[in-house]
Amino acid sequence: MFPGIKKPGTFEITGSYTGDPSQLLFDTLASSQTIFPFKMTAGMQKNTKTATVTGNCFVTESEDGPYEANKKIDFKVTFQKTGPTVVVIA
């Protein structure tokens, strides 16, 4: 590493695992080592502004569980950003 080269960070999403095809896609993307575009939006300044972040990433970790009777199933997916990331605040 040297000055001027930024190390891209990671981000995670979590939620309730339902077996929806969009959730099943994470394992496919991880095993095929696919780089794909992402877009995230988040409220800022007490939700008076919105930040939109776009770029490319790949899946580094995908996990679900534990599986227990009569309880919701959690999932977590970790993404590694790659290449430039664009942040727009409006």
PDB file of N, CA and C in Angstrom:
ATOM      1  N   MET A   1       0.838  -1.181   0.000  1.00  0.00           N
ATOM      2  CA  MET A   1       0.000   0.000   0.000  1.00  0.00           C
ATOM      3  C   MET A   1       0.879   1.238   0.000  1.00  0.00           C
ATOM      4  N   PHE A   2       0.396   2.288  -0.645  1.00  0.00           N
ATOM      5  CA  PHE A   2       1.117   3.544  -0.659  1.00  0.00           C
ATOM      6  C   PHE A   2       0.119   4.686  -0.805  1.00  0.00           C
ATOM      7  N   PRO A   3       0.532   5.929  -0.531  1.00  0.00           N
ATOM      8  CA  PRO A   3      -0.399   7.057  -0.572  1.00  0.00           C
ATOM      9  C   PRO A   3      -1.098   7.170  -1.929  1.00  0.00           C
ATOM     10  N   GLY A   4      -2.368   7.535  -1.880  1.00  0.00           N
ATOM     11  CA  GLY A   4      -3.141   7.711  -3.108  1.00  0.00           C
ATOM     12  C   GLY A   4      -3.938   6.487  -3.504  1.00  0.00           C
ATOM     13  N   ILE A   5      -3.617   5.339  -2.928  1.00  0.00           N
ATOM     14  CA  ILE A   5      -4.356   4.108  -3.221  1.00  0.00           C
ATOM     15  C   ILE A   5      -5.295   3.845  -2.050  1.00  0.00           C
ATOM     16  N   LYS A   6      -6.574   3.884  -2.324  1.00  0.00           N
ATOM     17  CA  LYS A   6      -7.560   3.645  -1.279  1.00  0.00           C
ATOM     18  C   LYS A   6      -7.911   2.163  -1.222  1.00  0.00           C
ATOM     19  N   LYS A   7      -7.993   1.643  -0.007  1.00  0.00           N
ATOM     20  CA  LYS A   7      -8.415   0.260   0.180  1.00  0.00           C
ATOM     21  C   LYS A   7      -9.931   0.247   0.288  1.00  0.00           C
ATOM     22  N   PRO A   8     -10.614  -0.417  -0.668  1.00  0.00           N
ATOM     23  CA  PRO A   8     -12.074  -0.449  -0.587  1.00  0.00           C
ATOM     24  C   PRO A   8     -12.538  -1.201   0.651  1.00  0.00           C
ATOM     25  N   GLY A   9     -13.601  -0.744   1.233  1.00  0.00           N
ATOM     26  CA  GLY A   9     -14.124  -1.360   2.444  1.00  0.00           C
ATOM     27  C   GLY A   9     -15.127  -2.461   2.166  1.00  0.00           C
ATOM     28  N   THR A  10     -15.745  -2.936   3.222  1.00  0.00           N
ATOM     29  CA  THR A  10     -16.774  -3.961   3.131  1.00  0.00           C
ATOM     30  C   THR A  10     -18.075  -3.403   3.696  1.00  0.00           C
ATOM     31  N   PHE A  11     -19.172  -4.058   3.390  1.00  0.00           N
ATOM     32  CA  PHE A  11     -20.443  -3.730   4.012  1.00  0.00           C
ATOM     33  C   PHE A  11     -21.242  -5.012   4.171  1.00  0.00           C
ATOM     34  N   GLU A  12     -22.175  -4.999   5.113  1.00  0.00           N
ATOM     35  CA  GLU A  12     -22.984  -6.183   5.428  1.00  0.00           C
ATOM     36  C   GLU A  12     -24.459  -5.842   5.352  1.00  0.00           C
ATOM     37  N   ILE A  13     -25.237  -6.849   5.014  1.00  0.00           N
ATOM     38  CA  ILE A  13     -26.684  -6.735   5.166  1.00  0.00           C
ATOM     39  C   ILE A  13     -27.140  -7.914   6.019  1.00  0.00           C
ATOM     40  N   THR A  14     -28.142  -7.679   6.830  1.00  0.00           N
ATOM     41  CA  THR A  14     -28.697  -8.726   7.678  1.00  0.00           C
ATOM     42  C   THR A  14     -30.210  -8.666   7.580  1.00  0.00           C
ATOM     43  N   GLY A  15     -30.844  -9.754   7.949  1.00  0.00           N
ATOM     44  CA  GLY A  15     -32.299  -9.777   7.930  1.00  0.00           C
ATOM     45  C   GLY A  15     -32.835 -11.135   8.297  1.00  0.00           C
ATOM     46  N   SER A  16     -34.116 -11.317   8.040  1.00  0.00           N
ATOM     47  CA  SER A  16     -34.771 -12.600   8.281  1.00  0.00           C
ATOM     48  C   SER A  16     -34.698 -13.430   7.008  1.00  0.00           C
ATOM     49  N   TYR A  17     -34.225 -14.656   7.134  1.00  0.00           N
ATOM     50  CA  TYR A  17     -34.085 -15.551   6.000  1.00  0.00           C
ATOM     51  C   TYR A  17     -35.435 -16.190   5.701  1.00  0.00           C
ATOM     52  N   THR A  18     -35.906 -16.011   4.463  1.00  0.00           N
ATOM     53  CA  THR A  18     -37.208 -16.552   4.068  1.00  0.00           C
ATOM     54  C   THR A  18     -37.086 -17.544   2.916  1.00  0.00           C
ATOM     55  N   GLY A  19     -35.886 -17.672   2.330  1.00  0.00           N
ATOM     56  CA  GLY A  19     -35.706 -18.564   1.194  1.00  0.00           C
ATOM     57  C   GLY A  19     -36.157 -17.948  -0.114  1.00  0.00           C
ATOM     58  N   ASP A  20     -36.389 -16.632  -0.116  1.00  0.00           N
ATOM     59  CA  ASP A  20     -36.755 -15.916  -1.332  1.00  0.00           C
ATOM     60  C   ASP A  20     -35.627 -16.059  -2.364  1.00  0.00           C
ATOM     61  N   PRO A  21     -35.975 -16.159  -3.649  1.00  0.00           N
ATOM     62  CA  PRO A  21     -34.928 -16.302  -4.676  1.00  0.00           C
ATOM     63  C   PRO A  21     -33.848 -15.222  -4.616  1.00  0.00           C
ATOM     64  N   SER A  22     -34.201 -13.993  -4.213  1.00  0.00           N
ATOM     65  CA  SER A  22     -33.181 -12.947  -4.112  1.00  0.00           C
ATOM     66  C   SER A  22     -32.174 -13.260  -3.003  1.00  0.00           C
ATOM     67  N   GLN A  23     -32.600 -13.949  -1.945  1.00  0.00           N
ATOM     68  CA  GLN A  23     -31.669 -14.333  -0.881  1.00  0.00           C
ATOM     69  C   GLN A  23     -30.818 -15.523  -1.311  1.00  0.00           C
ATOM     70  N   LEU A  24     -31.398 -16.438  -2.070  1.00  0.00           N
ATOM     71  CA  LEU A  24     -30.650 -17.602  -2.542  1.00  0.00           C
ATOM     72  C   LEU A  24     -29.560 -17.213  -3.540  1.00  0.00           C
ATOM     73  N   LEU A  25     -29.719 -16.069  -4.179  1.00  0.00           N
ATOM     74  CA  LEU A  25     -28.749 -15.599  -5.160  1.00  0.00           C
ATOM     75  C   LEU A  25     -27.382 -15.323  -4.544  1.00  0.00           C
ATOM     76  N   PHE A  26     -27.339 -14.951  -3.253  1.00  0.00           N
ATOM     77  CA  PHE A  26     -26.056 -14.632  -2.616  1.00  0.00           C
ATOM     78  C   PHE A  26     -25.094 -15.811  -2.650  1.00  0.00           C
ATOM     79  N   ASP A  27     -25.579 -17.024  -2.395  1.00  0.00           N
ATOM     80  CA  ASP A  27     -24.709 -18.204  -2.445  1.00  0.00           C
ATOM     81  C   ASP A  27     -24.200 -18.448  -3.862  1.00  0.00           C
ATOM     82  N   THR A  28     -25.059 -18.238  -4.856  1.00  0.00           N
ATOM     83  CA  THR A  28     -24.654 -18.403  -6.252  1.00  0.00           C
ATOM     84  C   THR A  28     -23.579 -17.399  -6.631  1.00  0.00           C
ATOM     85  N   LEU A  29     -23.781 -16.133  -6.250  1.00  0.00           N
ATOM     86  CA  LEU A  29     -22.795 -15.095  -6.552  1.00  0.00           C
ATOM     87  C   LEU A  29     -21.466 -15.366  -5.852  1.00  0.00           C
ATOM     88  N   ALA A  30     -21.517 -15.879  -4.624  1.00  0.00           N
ATOM     89  CA  ALA A  30     -20.288 -16.180  -3.889  1.00  0.00           C
ATOM     90  C   ALA A  30     -19.527 -17.330  -4.537  1.00  0.00           C
ATOM     91  N   SER A  31     -20.218 -18.401  -4.892  1.00  0.00           N
ATOM     92  CA  SER A  31     -19.528 -19.565  -5.466  1.00  0.00           C
ATOM     93  C   SER A  31     -18.999 -19.293  -6.867  1.00  0.00           C
ATOM     94  N   SER A  32     -19.673 -18.408  -7.626  1.00  0.00           N
ATOM     95  CA  SER A  32     -19.200 -18.097  -8.976  1.00  0.00           C
ATOM     96  C   SER A  32     -18.213 -16.928  -8.986  1.00  0.00           C
ATOM     97  N   GLN A  33     -17.947 -16.334  -7.820  1.00  0.00           N
ATOM     98  CA  GLN A  33     -17.014 -15.224  -7.671  1.00  0.00           C
ATOM     99  C   GLN A  33     -17.352 -14.076  -8.620  1.00  0.00           C
ATOM    100  N   THR A  34     -18.630 -13.747  -8.690  1.00  0.00           N
ATOM    101  CA  THR A  34     -19.136 -12.726  -9.601  1.00  0.00           C
ATOM    102  C   THR A  34     -19.001 -11.325  -9.009  1.00  0.00           C
ATOM    103  N   ILE A  35     -18.498 -10.395  -9.807  1.00  0.00           N
ATOM    104  CA  ILE A  35     -18.494  -8.984  -9.436  1.00  0.00           C
ATOM    105  C   ILE A  35     -19.766  -8.380 -10.028  1.00  0.00           C
ATOM    106  N   PHE A  36     -20.520  -7.662  -9.206  1.00  0.00           N
ATOM    107  CA  PHE A  36     -21.803  -7.125  -9.658  1.00  0.00           C
ATOM    108  C   PHE A  36     -22.014  -5.725  -9.072  1.00  0.00           C
ATOM    109  N   PRO A  37     -22.892  -4.917  -9.713  1.00  0.00           N
ATOM    110  CA  PRO A  37     -23.135  -3.560  -9.219  1.00  0.00           C
ATOM    111  C   PRO A  37     -24.035  -3.561  -7.987  1.00  0.00           C
ATOM    112  N   PHE A  38     -23.852  -2.557  -7.133  1.00  0.00           N
ATOM    113  CA  PHE A  38     -24.723  -2.375  -5.981  1.00  0.00           C
ATOM    114  C   PHE A  38     -25.157  -0.914  -5.896  1.00  0.00           C
ATOM    115  N   LYS A  39     -26.263  -0.699  -5.193  1.00  0.00           N
ATOM    116  CA  LYS A  39     -26.764   0.648  -4.912  1.00  0.00           C
ATOM    117  C   LYS A  39     -27.398   0.625  -3.530  1.00  0.00           C
ATOM    118  N   MET A  40     -26.945   1.513  -2.663  1.00  0.00           N
ATOM    119  CA  MET A  40     -27.490   1.617  -1.318  1.00  0.00           C
ATOM    120  C   MET A  40     -27.984   3.040  -1.098  1.00  0.00           C
ATOM    121  N   THR A  41     -29.068   3.180  -0.362  1.00  0.00           N
ATOM    122  CA  THR A  41     -29.541   4.504   0.031  1.00  0.00           C
ATOM    123  C   THR A  41     -29.714   4.538   1.538  1.00  0.00           C
ATOM    124  N   ALA A  42     -29.444   5.698   2.120  1.00  0.00           N
ATOM    125  CA  ALA A  42     -29.556   5.849   3.571  1.00  0.00           C
ATOM    126  C   ALA A  42     -29.948   7.279   3.899  1.00  0.00           C
ATOM    127  N   GLY A  43     -30.780   7.438   4.906  1.00  0.00           N
ATOM    128  CA  GLY A  43     -31.150   8.762   5.387  1.00  0.00           C
ATOM    129  C   GLY A  43     -29.998   9.391   6.137  1.00  0.00           C
ATOM    130  N   MET A  44     -29.832  10.694   5.967  1.00  0.00           N
ATOM    131  CA  MET A  44     -28.771  11.435   6.658  1.00  0.00           C
ATOM    132  C   MET A  44     -29.355  12.714   7.242  1.00  0.00           C
ATOM    133  N   GLN A  45     -28.646  13.294   8.187  1.00  0.00           N
ATOM    134  CA  GLN A  45     -29.022  14.553   8.821  1.00  0.00           C
ATOM    135  C   GLN A  45     -30.491  14.537   9.248  1.00  0.00           C
ATOM    136  N   LYS A  46     -30.796  13.562  10.105  1.00  0.00           N
ATOM    137  CA  LYS A  46     -32.151  13.368  10.632  1.00  0.00           C
ATOM    138  C   LYS A  46     -33.166  13.192   9.511  1.00  0.00           C
ATOM    139  N   ASN A  47     -32.767  12.436   8.485  1.00  0.00           N
ATOM    140  CA  ASN A  47     -33.600  12.110   7.317  1.00  0.00           C
ATOM    141  C   ASN A  47     -34.023  13.330   6.499  1.00  0.00           C
ATOM    142  N   THR A  48     -33.276  14.429   6.586  1.00  0.00           N
ATOM    143  CA  THR A  48     -33.558  15.577   5.727  1.00  0.00           C
ATOM    144  C   THR A  48     -32.848  15.448   4.390  1.00  0.00           C
ATOM    145  N   LYS A  49     -31.850  14.554   4.322  1.00  0.00           N
ATOM    146  CA  LYS A  49     -31.117  14.303   3.089  1.00  0.00           C
ATOM    147  C   LYS A  49     -30.968  12.806   2.908  1.00  0.00           C
ATOM    148  N   THR A  50     -30.684  12.400   1.673  1.00  0.00           N
ATOM    149  CA  THR A  50     -30.500  10.987   1.363  1.00  0.00           C
ATOM    150  C   THR A  50     -29.142  10.780   0.701  1.00  0.00           C
ATOM    151  N   ALA A  51     -28.393   9.808   1.191  1.00  0.00           N
ATOM    152  CA  ALA A  51     -27.121   9.435   0.574  1.00  0.00           C
ATOM    153  C   ALA A  51     -27.357   8.212  -0.306  1.00  0.00           C
ATOM    154  N   THR A  52     -26.860   8.263  -1.518  1.00  0.00           N
ATOM    155  CA  THR A  52     -26.933   7.132  -2.435  1.00  0.00           C
ATOM    156  C   THR A  52     -25.503   6.729  -2.791  1.00  0.00           C
ATOM    157  N   VAL A  53     -25.175   5.468  -2.553  1.00  0.00           N
ATOM    158  CA  VAL A  53     -23.840   4.949  -2.821  1.00  0.00           C
ATOM    159  C   VAL A  53     -23.958   3.878  -3.900  1.00  0.00           C
ATOM    160  N   THR A  54     -23.153   3.997  -4.953  1.00  0.00           N
ATOM    161  CA  THR A  54     -23.148   3.002  -6.033  1.00  0.00           C
ATOM    162  C   THR A  54     -21.722   2.562  -6.308  1.00  0.00           C
ATOM    163  N   GLY A  55     -21.586   1.357  -6.824  1.00  0.00           N
ATOM    164  CA  GLY A  55     -20.274   0.818  -7.167  1.00  0.00           C
ATOM    165  C   GLY A  55     -20.398  -0.647  -7.529  1.00  0.00           C
ATOM    166  N   ASN A  56     -19.286  -1.348  -7.448  1.00  0.00           N
ATOM    167  CA  ASN A  56     -19.245  -2.783  -7.727  1.00  0.00           C
ATOM    168  C   ASN A  56     -18.724  -3.513  -6.506  1.00  0.00           C
ATOM    169  N   CYS A  57     -19.146  -4.772  -6.341  1.00  0.00           N
ATOM    170  CA  CYS A  57     -18.728  -5.557  -5.183  1.00  0.00           C
ATOM    171  C   CYS A  57     -18.807  -7.041  -5.512  1.00  0.00           C
ATOM    172  N   PHE A  58     -18.354  -7.860  -4.567  1.00  0.00           N
ATOM    173  CA  PHE A  58     -18.528  -9.305  -4.644  1.00  0.00           C
ATOM    174  C   PHE A  58     -18.790  -9.840  -3.249  1.00  0.00           C
ATOM    175  N   VAL A  59     -19.408 -11.009  -3.164  1.00  0.00           N
ATOM    176  CA  VAL A  59     -19.765 -11.616  -1.884  1.00  0.00           C
ATOM    177  C   VAL A  59     -18.525 -12.292  -1.289  1.00  0.00           C
ATOM    178  N   THR A  60     -18.221 -11.969  -0.025  1.00  0.00           N
ATOM    179  CA  THR A  60     -17.110 -12.635   0.652  1.00  0.00           C
ATOM    180  C   THR A  60     -17.593 -13.639   1.689  1.00  0.00           C
ATOM    181  N   GLU A  61     -18.815 -13.439   2.194  1.00  0.00           N
ATOM    182  CA  GLU A  61     -19.337 -14.349   3.215  1.00  0.00           C
ATOM    183  C   GLU A  61     -20.856 -14.330   3.172  1.00  0.00           C
ATOM    184  N   SER A  62     -21.451 -15.490   3.283  1.00  0.00           N
ATOM    185  CA  SER A  62     -22.904 -15.607   3.319  1.00  0.00           C
ATOM    186  C   SER A  62     -23.249 -16.680   4.343  1.00  0.00           C
ATOM    187  N   GLU A  63     -24.061 -16.311   5.328  1.00  0.00           N
ATOM    188  CA  GLU A  63     -24.424 -17.297   6.348  1.00  0.00           C
ATOM    189  C   GLU A  63     -25.883 -17.126   6.753  1.00  0.00           C
ATOM    190  N   ASP A  64     -26.487 -18.214   7.143  1.00  0.00           N
ATOM    191  CA  ASP A  64     -27.846 -18.174   7.668  1.00  0.00           C
ATOM    192  C   ASP A  64     -27.953 -19.151   8.824  1.00  0.00           C
ATOM    193  N   GLY A  65     -28.958 -18.907   9.651  1.00  0.00           N
ATOM    194  CA  GLY A  65     -29.166 -19.753  10.820  1.00  0.00           C
ATOM    195  C   GLY A  65     -28.940 -18.974  12.091  1.00  0.00           C
ATOM    196  N   PRO A  66     -29.083 -19.624  13.227  1.00  0.00           N
ATOM    197  CA  PRO A  66     -29.354 -21.049  13.417  1.00  0.00           C
ATOM    198  C   PRO A  66     -30.805 -21.402  13.072  1.00  0.00           C
ATOM    199  N   TYR A  67     -30.981 -22.664  12.768  1.00  0.00           N
ATOM    200  CA  TYR A  67     -32.310 -23.186  12.463  1.00  0.00           C
ATOM    201  C   TYR A  67     -32.891 -23.811  13.719  1.00  0.00           C
ATOM    202  N   GLU A  68     -33.910 -23.184  14.275  1.00  0.00           N
ATOM    203  CA  GLU A  68     -34.573 -23.688  15.475  1.00  0.00           C
ATOM    204  C   GLU A  68     -36.079 -23.657  15.238  1.00  0.00           C
ATOM    205  N   ALA A  69     -36.763 -24.653  15.775  1.00  0.00           N
ATOM    206  CA  ALA A  69     -38.215 -24.729  15.615  1.00  0.00           C
ATOM    207  C   ALA A  69     -38.890 -23.490  16.182  1.00  0.00           C
ATOM    208  N   ASN A  70     -39.853 -22.965  15.447  1.00  0.00           N
ATOM    209  CA  ASN A  70     -40.695 -21.851  15.880  1.00  0.00           C
ATOM    210  C   ASN A  70     -39.934 -20.556  16.144  1.00  0.00           C
ATOM    211  N   LYS A  71     -38.787 -20.365  15.490  1.00  0.00           N
ATOM    212  CA  LYS A  71     -38.031 -19.120  15.614  1.00  0.00           C
ATOM    213  C   LYS A  71     -37.658 -18.644  14.221  1.00  0.00           C
ATOM    214  N   LYS A  72     -37.514 -17.323  14.074  1.00  0.00           N
ATOM    215  CA  LYS A  72     -37.115 -16.784  12.781  1.00  0.00           C
ATOM    216  C   LYS A  72     -35.657 -17.175  12.504  1.00  0.00           C
ATOM    217  N   ILE A  73     -35.335 -17.260  11.234  1.00  0.00           N
ATOM    218  CA  ILE A  73     -33.986 -17.617  10.801  1.00  0.00           C
ATOM    219  C   ILE A  73     -33.309 -16.340  10.316  1.00  0.00           C
ATOM    220  N   ASP A  74     -32.159 -16.028  10.868  1.00  0.00           N
ATOM    221  CA  ASP A  74     -31.417 -14.838  10.475  1.00  0.00           C
ATOM    222  C   ASP A  74     -30.467 -15.155   9.329  1.00  0.00           C
ATOM    223  N   PHE A  75     -30.099 -14.114   8.566  1.00  0.00           N
ATOM    224  CA  PHE A  75     -29.037 -14.271   7.574  1.00  0.00           C
ATOM    225  C   PHE A  75     -28.142 -13.038   7.598  1.00  0.00           C
ATOM    226  N   LYS A  76     -26.918 -13.220   7.136  1.00  0.00           N
ATOM    227  CA  LYS A  76     -25.948 -12.126   7.026  1.00  0.00           C
ATOM    228  C   LYS A  76     -25.119 -12.364   5.781  1.00  0.00           C
ATOM    229  N   VAL A  77     -24.934 -11.318   4.982  1.00  0.00           N
ATOM    230  CA  VAL A  77     -24.092 -11.395   3.795  1.00  0.00           C
ATOM    231  C   VAL A  77     -23.089 -10.251   3.869  1.00  0.00           C
ATOM    232  N   THR A  78     -21.803 -10.561   3.647  1.00  0.00           N
ATOM    233  CA  THR A  78     -20.741  -9.564   3.653  1.00  0.00           C
ATOM    234  C   THR A  78     -20.252  -9.365   2.225  1.00  0.00           C
ATOM    235  N   PHE A  79     -20.107  -8.100   1.824  1.00  0.00           N
ATOM    236  CA  PHE A  79     -19.673  -7.746   0.481  1.00  0.00           C
ATOM    237  C   PHE A  79     -18.354  -6.991   0.549  1.00  0.00           C
ATOM    238  N   GLN A  80     -17.490  -7.214  -0.414  1.00  0.00           N
ATOM    239  CA  GLN A  80     -16.240  -6.470  -0.567  1.00  0.00           C
ATOM    240  C   GLN A  80     -16.403  -5.522  -1.748  1.00  0.00           C
ATOM    241  N   LYS A  81     -16.241  -4.216  -1.496  1.00  0.00           N
ATOM    242  CA  LYS A  81     -16.306  -3.264  -2.591  1.00  0.00           C
ATOM    243  C   LYS A  81     -15.056  -3.408  -3.453  1.00  0.00           C
ATOM    244  N   THR A  82     -15.193  -3.160  -4.744  1.00  0.00           N
ATOM    245  CA  THR A  82     -14.064  -3.211  -5.653  1.00  0.00           C
ATOM    246  C   THR A  82     -14.214  -2.092  -6.672  1.00  0.00           C
ATOM    247  N   GLY A  83     -13.136  -1.415  -6.972  1.00  0.00           N
ATOM    248  CA  GLY A  83     -13.209  -0.297  -7.903  1.00  0.00           C
ATOM    249  C   GLY A  83     -13.740   0.955  -7.235  1.00  0.00           C
ATOM    250  N   PRO A  84     -14.001   1.982  -8.042  1.00  0.00           N
ATOM    251  CA  PRO A  84     -14.460   3.248  -7.476  1.00  0.00           C
ATOM    252  C   PRO A  84     -15.886   3.164  -6.941  1.00  0.00           C
ATOM    253  N   THR A  85     -16.156   3.957  -5.906  1.00  0.00           N
ATOM    254  CA  THR A  85     -17.485   4.057  -5.323  1.00  0.00           C
ATOM    255  C   THR A  85     -17.934   5.509  -5.447  1.00  0.00           C
ATOM    256  N   VAL A  86     -19.173   5.723  -5.850  1.00  0.00           N
ATOM    257  CA  VAL A  86     -19.714   7.067  -6.018  1.00  0.00           C
ATOM    258  C   VAL A  86     -20.752   7.317  -4.927  1.00  0.00           C
ATOM    259  N   VAL A  87     -20.583   8.427  -4.219  1.00  0.00           N
ATOM    260  CA  VAL A  87     -21.524   8.822  -3.163  1.00  0.00           C
ATOM    261  C   VAL A  87     -22.180  10.144  -3.570  1.00  0.00           C
ATOM    262  N   VAL A  88     -23.509  10.171  -3.579  1.00  0.00           N
ATOM    263  CA  VAL A  88     -24.257  11.379  -3.902  1.00  0.00           C
ATOM    264  C   VAL A  88     -25.189  11.664  -2.737  1.00  0.00           C
ATOM    265  N   ILE A  89     -25.130  12.902  -2.221  1.00  0.00           N
ATOM    266  CA  ILE A  89     -26.001  13.310  -1.119  1.00  0.00           C
ATOM    267  C   ILE A  89     -26.947  14.383  -1.645  1.00  0.00           C
ATOM    268  N   ALA A  90     -28.239  14.107  -1.533  1.00  0.00           N
ATOM    269  CA  ALA A  90     -29.231  15.068  -2.043  1.00  0.00           C
ATOM    270  C   ALA A  90     -30.322  15.297  -1.023  1.00  0.00           C
TER     271      ALA A  90
END
